[in-house]
Amino acid sequence: MKLFMMIILPVILFCCVFPLALALDLQVGFYSTSCGKAESIVQKLVEKRFSQDKSITAALLRMHFHDCFVR
């Protein structure tokens, strides 16, 4: 029973949850029906901030991957 709880159960759960996580990918046009201008707004804001401070890219990457790994 300990073997099942420590090894087999997590493997089964991983195999069930991982495909669901892949199916929920964000993609270009993801917000087009709910907020059509979201992508252009974000793009303009990032471009503006990047022109003011080049180090913003590291912070954005860190934030993006933190969000992905927490899920």
C-alpha atoms as a PDB file:
ATOM      1  CA  MET A   1       0.000   0.000   0.000  1.00  0.00           C
ATOM      2  CA  LYS A   2       2.885   2.397   0.776  1.00  0.00           C
ATOM      3  CA  LEU A   3       4.418   1.651  -2.617  1.00  0.00           C
ATOM      4  CA  PHE A   4       1.122   2.491  -4.280  1.00  0.00           C
ATOM      5  CA  MET A   5       0.721   5.792  -2.425  1.00  0.00           C
ATOM      6  CA  MET A   6       4.321   6.912  -2.934  1.00  0.00           C
ATOM      7  CA  ILE A   7       5.035   5.843  -6.502  1.00  0.00           C
ATOM      8  CA  ILE A   8       2.135   4.481  -8.479  1.00  0.00           C
ATOM      9  CA  LEU A   9      -0.558   6.987  -7.491  1.00  0.00           C
ATOM     10  CA  PRO A  10       1.562  10.073  -8.381  1.00  0.00           C
ATOM     11  CA  VAL A  11       2.462   8.505 -11.738  1.00  0.00           C
ATOM     12  CA  ILE A  12      -1.204   7.824 -12.490  1.00  0.00           C
ATOM     13  CA  LEU A  13      -2.185  11.365 -11.495  1.00  0.00           C
ATOM     14  CA  PHE A  14       0.606  12.855 -13.609  1.00  0.00           C
ATOM     15  CA  CYS A  15      -0.492  10.828 -16.633  1.00  0.00           C
ATOM     16  CA  CYS A  16      -4.062  12.054 -16.202  1.00  0.00           C
ATOM     17  CA  VAL A  17      -3.304  15.727 -15.534  1.00  0.00           C
ATOM     18  CA  PHE A  18      -0.439  16.360 -17.983  1.00  0.00           C
ATOM     19  CA  PRO A  19      -2.534  15.964 -21.179  1.00  0.00           C
ATOM     20  CA  LEU A  20      -5.113  18.374 -19.757  1.00  0.00           C
ATOM     21  CA  ALA A  21      -2.419  20.985 -19.148  1.00  0.00           C
ATOM     22  CA  LEU A  22      -1.238  20.675 -22.748  1.00  0.00           C
ATOM     23  CA  ALA A  23      -4.767  21.094 -24.077  1.00  0.00           C
ATOM     24  CA  LEU A  24      -5.179  24.440 -22.282  1.00  0.00           C
ATOM     25  CA  ASP A  25      -2.341  26.263 -24.067  1.00  0.00           C
ATOM     26  CA  LEU A  26      -2.636  29.948 -24.754  1.00  0.00           C
ATOM     27  CA  GLN A  27      -2.372  30.793 -28.409  1.00  0.00           C
ATOM     28  CA  VAL A  28      -2.500  33.811 -30.686  1.00  0.00           C
ATOM     29  CA  GLY A  29      -6.103  34.969 -30.794  1.00  0.00           C
ATOM     30  CA  PHE A  30      -6.978  33.348 -27.437  1.00  0.00           C
ATOM     31  CA  TYR A  31      -8.702  36.514 -26.186  1.00  0.00           C
ATOM     32  CA  SER A  32     -10.197  37.565 -29.533  1.00  0.00           C
ATOM     33  CA  THR A  33     -13.773  36.729 -28.531  1.00  0.00           C
ATOM     34  CA  SER A  34     -13.709  37.989 -24.943  1.00  0.00           C
ATOM     35  CA  CYS A  35     -11.399  40.999 -25.322  1.00  0.00           C
ATOM     36  CA  GLY A  36     -10.527  41.611 -28.946  1.00  0.00           C
ATOM     37  CA  LYS A  37      -7.913  44.297 -28.313  1.00  0.00           C
ATOM     38  CA  ALA A  38      -6.088  42.552 -25.434  1.00  0.00           C
ATOM     39  CA  GLU A  39      -3.120  41.352 -27.476  1.00  0.00           C
ATOM     40  CA  SER A  40      -2.518  44.699 -29.198  1.00  0.00           C
ATOM     41  CA  ILE A  41      -2.843  46.563 -25.878  1.00  0.00           C
ATOM     42  CA  VAL A  42      -0.300  44.285 -24.208  1.00  0.00           C
ATOM     43  CA  GLN A  43       2.050  44.480 -27.197  1.00  0.00           C
ATOM     44  CA  LYS A  44       1.991  48.288 -27.250  1.00  0.00           C
ATOM     45  CA  LEU A  45       2.547  48.500 -23.496  1.00  0.00           C
ATOM     46  CA  VAL A  46       5.472  46.058 -23.571  1.00  0.00           C
ATOM     47  CA  GLU A  47       7.071  47.890 -26.513  1.00  0.00           C
ATOM     48  CA  LYS A  48       6.707  51.219 -24.706  1.00  0.00           C
ATOM     49  CA  ARG A  49       8.188  49.874 -21.466  1.00  0.00           C
ATOM     50  CA  PHE A  50      10.993  48.086 -23.316  1.00  0.00           C
ATOM     51  CA  SER A  51      11.999  51.316 -25.040  1.00  0.00           C
ATOM     52  CA  GLN A  52      12.242  52.977 -21.607  1.00  0.00           C
ATOM     53  CA  ASP A  53      13.982  50.115 -19.752  1.00  0.00           C
ATOM     54  CA  LYS A  54      15.689  47.197 -21.532  1.00  0.00           C
ATOM     55  CA  SER A  55      15.845  45.107 -18.332  1.00  0.00           C
ATOM     56  CA  ILE A  56      12.060  44.646 -18.367  1.00  0.00           C
ATOM     57  CA  THR A  57      12.440  41.550 -20.554  1.00  0.00           C
ATOM     58  CA  ALA A  58      14.028  39.546 -17.732  1.00  0.00           C
ATOM     59  CA  ALA A  59      11.179  40.448 -15.388  1.00  0.00           C
ATOM     60  CA  LEU A  60       8.559  39.499 -17.981  1.00  0.00           C
ATOM     61  CA  LEU A  61      10.197  36.131 -18.650  1.00  0.00           C
ATOM     62  CA  ARG A  62      10.418  35.427 -14.932  1.00  0.00           C
ATOM     63  CA  MET A  63       6.752  36.330 -14.459  1.00  0.00           C
ATOM     64  CA  HIS A  64       5.662  34.219 -17.439  1.00  0.00           C
ATOM     65  CA  PHE A  65       7.487  31.086 -16.355  1.00  0.00           C
ATOM     66  CA  HIS A  66       6.402  31.498 -12.737  1.00  0.00           C
ATOM     67  CA  ASP A  67       2.794  31.549 -13.921  1.00  0.00           C
ATOM     68  CA  CYS A  68       3.321  28.475 -16.089  1.00  0.00           C
ATOM     69  CA  PHE A  69       5.101  26.440 -13.415  1.00  0.00           C
ATOM     70  CA  VAL A  70       2.599  27.295 -10.678  1.00  0.00           C
ATOM     71  CA  ARG A  71      -0.231  25.885 -12.741  1.00  0.00           C
END
